[in-house]
Amino acid sequence: ARLNKVAADVVKKLLPVSAGNDLGSLCSWADRVKIRYRWSSPLHVGFTSDKGGNTINVTWYNRKAVLHHVWDSSIIETEEKTFCPADVNQVINNIQLNITTIWAKQVKAWETCPLRQKTCPNIYASESVKAACQWAYKGVRQGSVLQDAYFRSRLPIVSLRLAQAGVRLAATLNKIFK
């Protein structure tokens, strides 16, 4: 919805058939190739010593998981089941609504970079490091049991980071494909 017509047309042409015209379906690429490419870990800017949270074993409610998976999938899946059991699109709609309301004053800053750069990887990475330290890792140790308190306090951060990523990706594609 944030892509201009030219960018939307180019993206549509570039997407593989397997994506089903859904750019979002390719966004987990780094997780799928992390076995092949050792540099890859989401919590992408987490600590190398724990492989981006992949060696921190936790329990998410009553299921064994690693911290990385909690941030990649579990928080969002729990939101879907808890607040939007009928439709995953409601999660997306909620984020889109927040972009135009709660975060509306911040969106312009998300879309722009200093010195007219197309992207701001240093800014994005710095924000991610800060979020990882303040939210993902904070209070978590090997064997931690993560439940409602962790979920409810971290869900707004996950939603914000998803919104920022979507706005920034659209802005970048719009700049590239003018």
Protein backbone atom coordinates (compact mmCIF):
# COMPACT_ATOMS: atom_id res chain seq x y z
CA ALA A 1 0.00 0.00 0.00
CA ARG A 2 2.99 2.33 0.52
CA LEU A 3 4.66 1.57 -2.82
CA ASN A 4 4.31 4.01 -5.70
CA LYS A 5 2.99 2.56 -8.96
CA VAL A 6 6.40 2.20 -10.60
CA ALA A 7 7.94 0.44 -7.59
CA ALA A 8 4.90 -1.83 -7.21
CA ASP A 9 5.11 -2.84 -10.90
CA VAL A 10 8.87 -3.53 -10.70
CA VAL A 11 8.52 -5.55 -7.49
CA LYS A 12 5.70 -7.57 -9.02
CA LYS A 13 7.90 -8.41 -12.02
CA LEU A 14 10.88 -9.33 -9.83
CA LEU A 15 9.03 -11.62 -7.42
CA PRO A 16 9.37 -15.32 -8.11
CA VAL A 17 6.17 -17.20 -8.89
CA SER A 18 6.53 -19.04 -5.58
CA ALA A 19 5.97 -15.72 -3.75
CA GLY A 20 2.41 -15.48 -5.08
CA ASN A 21 2.76 -11.70 -5.60
CA ASP A 22 3.49 -11.33 -1.87
CA LEU A 23 6.76 -9.54 -1.07
CA GLY A 24 6.26 -10.35 2.61
CA SER A 25 6.58 -14.06 1.89
CA LEU A 26 10.27 -13.51 1.13
CA CYS A 27 11.08 -11.54 4.27
CA SER A 28 12.24 -14.59 6.21
CA TRP A 29 14.95 -15.38 3.66
CA ALA A 30 17.78 -14.84 6.17
CA ASP A 31 16.29 -17.46 8.48
CA ARG A 32 15.97 -20.01 5.69
CA VAL A 33 19.59 -19.62 4.56
CA LYS A 34 21.31 -19.31 7.94
CA ILE A 35 22.61 -22.88 7.69
CA ARG A 36 24.26 -22.09 4.35
CA TYR A 37 25.55 -18.62 5.27
CA ARG A 38 27.08 -18.51 8.72
CA TRP A 39 26.86 -14.70 8.94
CA SER A 40 23.09 -14.86 9.01
CA SER A 41 21.13 -14.79 12.28
CA PRO A 42 18.07 -12.62 13.08
CA LEU A 43 17.91 -11.03 16.14
CA HIS A 44 20.22 -10.12 13.19
CA VAL A 45 22.25 -7.81 15.36
CA GLY A 46 22.12 -9.95 18.48
CA PHE A 47 25.27 -11.35 19.99
CA THR A 48 27.56 -13.57 17.92
CA SER A 49 28.38 -15.56 21.05
CA ASP A 50 24.80 -16.89 21.17
CA LYS A 51 24.27 -16.83 17.40
CA GLY A 52 21.59 -14.16 17.60
CA GLY A 53 19.67 -15.88 20.38
CA ASN A 54 19.81 -19.30 18.69
CA THR A 55 21.65 -20.95 21.59
CA ILE A 56 19.49 -19.51 24.38
CA ASN A 57 16.98 -22.22 25.20
CA VAL A 58 13.76 -20.95 26.76
CA THR A 59 10.22 -22.12 27.29
CA TRP A 60 7.59 -20.04 25.52
CA TYR A 61 4.55 -20.64 27.69
CA ASN A 62 4.65 -24.47 27.61
CA ARG A 63 6.78 -25.10 24.49
CA LYS A 64 10.54 -25.37 24.20
CA ALA A 65 12.05 -22.73 21.94
CA VAL A 66 15.14 -20.63 21.41
CA LEU A 67 15.05 -16.88 22.01
CA HIS A 68 15.63 -16.22 18.32
CA HIS A 69 12.48 -18.13 17.38
CA VAL A 70 10.47 -16.31 20.04
CA TRP A 71 11.31 -13.00 18.32
CA ASP A 72 10.95 -14.36 14.78
CA SER A 73 7.66 -16.16 15.23
CA SER A 74 6.31 -16.90 18.69
CA ILE A 75 5.39 -13.38 19.76
CA ILE A 76 3.51 -12.76 16.51
CA GLU A 77 1.84 -16.19 16.56
CA THR A 78 0.73 -15.63 20.15
CA GLU A 79 -0.71 -12.23 19.18
CA GLU A 80 -2.64 -13.89 16.35
CA LYS A 81 -4.08 -16.54 18.66
CA THR A 82 -4.78 -14.17 21.56
CA PHE A 83 -6.13 -11.07 19.85
CA CYS A 84 -6.95 -12.01 16.26
CA PRO A 85 -7.83 -15.70 16.18
CA ALA A 86 -10.02 -15.44 13.11
CA ASP A 87 -7.65 -13.69 10.74
CA VAL A 88 -3.91 -13.03 10.52
CA ASN A 89 -4.75 -10.03 8.35
CA GLN A 90 -6.08 -8.33 11.49
CA VAL A 91 -2.53 -8.23 12.88
CA ILE A 92 -1.40 -6.52 9.65
CA ASN A 93 -4.37 -4.15 9.74
CA ASN A 94 -3.57 -3.18 13.33
CA ILE A 95 0.02 -2.32 12.40
CA GLN A 96 -1.14 -0.34 9.36
CA LEU A 97 -3.63 1.55 11.52
CA ASN A 98 -0.92 2.40 14.05
CA ILE A 99 1.30 3.70 11.23
CA THR A 100 -1.38 6.25 10.36
CA THR A 101 -2.33 7.11 13.94
CA ILE A 102 -0.06 6.35 16.92
CA TRP A 103 3.21 6.45 14.93
CA ALA A 104 2.12 8.95 12.25
CA LYS A 105 4.48 11.70 13.46
CA GLN A 106 7.44 9.30 13.34
CA VAL A 107 6.83 7.86 9.86
CA LYS A 108 8.55 10.69 7.96
CA ALA A 109 11.73 10.09 9.96
CA TRP A 110 11.54 6.36 9.20
CA GLU A 111 11.29 7.12 5.47
CA THR A 112 14.25 9.46 5.25
CA CYS A 113 17.99 9.14 5.64
CA PRO A 114 20.62 11.80 6.22
CA LEU A 115 22.58 13.05 3.23
CA ARG A 116 19.94 11.75 0.80
CA GLN A 117 21.07 8.15 1.15
CA LYS A 118 18.66 5.51 -0.15
CA THR A 119 18.95 3.47 3.07
CA CYS A 120 20.32 4.04 6.57
CA PRO A 121 21.75 0.64 7.59
CA ASN A 122 23.74 2.09 10.48
CA ILE A 123 20.63 3.69 11.96
CA TYR A 124 18.57 0.52 11.48
CA ALA A 125 21.28 -1.65 13.03
CA SER A 126 21.76 0.70 15.98
CA GLU A 127 18.03 0.63 16.68
CA SER A 128 18.04 -3.15 16.47
CA VAL A 129 20.97 -3.51 18.87
CA LYS A 130 19.22 -1.21 21.33
CA ALA A 131 15.93 -3.14 21.03
CA ALA A 132 17.72 -6.48 21.40
CA CYS A 133 19.48 -5.36 24.59
CA GLN A 134 16.53 -3.51 26.13
CA TRP A 135 13.82 -5.99 25.19
CA ALA A 136 14.83 -9.33 23.67
CA TYR A 137 17.68 -10.26 26.02
CA LYS A 138 16.66 -8.31 29.10
CA GLY A 139 15.74 -10.63 31.96
CA VAL A 140 16.27 -13.75 29.82
CA ARG A 141 18.69 -16.49 30.76
CA GLN A 142 19.25 -20.03 29.61
CA GLY A 143 16.13 -21.98 30.61
CA SER A 144 13.92 -18.94 31.25
CA VAL A 145 10.17 -19.47 31.09
CA LEU A 146 8.64 -16.64 29.05
CA GLN A 147 4.93 -16.06 29.43
CA ASP A 148 2.37 -13.23 29.67
CA ALA A 149 4.60 -10.56 31.23
CA TYR A 150 7.29 -11.03 28.58
CA PHE A 151 4.76 -11.30 25.76
CA ARG A 152 2.73 -8.23 26.72
CA SER A 153 5.78 -6.03 27.30
CA ARG A 154 7.53 -7.11 24.08
CA LEU A 155 4.57 -7.17 21.65
CA PRO A 156 4.55 -3.37 21.21
CA ILE A 157 8.25 -3.47 20.33
CA VAL A 158 7.73 -6.24 17.77
CA SER A 159 4.83 -4.32 16.24
CA LEU A 160 6.86 -1.11 16.09
CA ARG A 161 9.85 -2.84 14.47
CA LEU A 162 7.58 -4.52 11.89
CA ALA A 163 6.02 -1.14 11.09
CA GLN A 164 9.41 0.51 10.75
CA ALA A 165 10.67 -2.28 8.50
CA GLY A 166 7.65 -2.09 6.23
CA VAL A 167 7.73 1.70 5.93
CA ARG A 168 11.47 1.71 5.32
CA LEU A 169 11.35 -1.05 2.73
CA ALA A 170 8.60 0.74 0.82
CA ALA A 171 10.46 4.05 1.01
CA THR A 172 13.66 2.42 -0.23
CA LEU A 173 11.92 0.69 -3.13
CA ASN A 174 10.14 3.93 -4.03
CA LYS A 175 13.51 5.76 -4.13
CA ILE A 176 15.18 3.07 -6.19
CA PHE A 177 12.34 2.65 -8.69
CA LYS A 178 11.34 6.27 -9.33
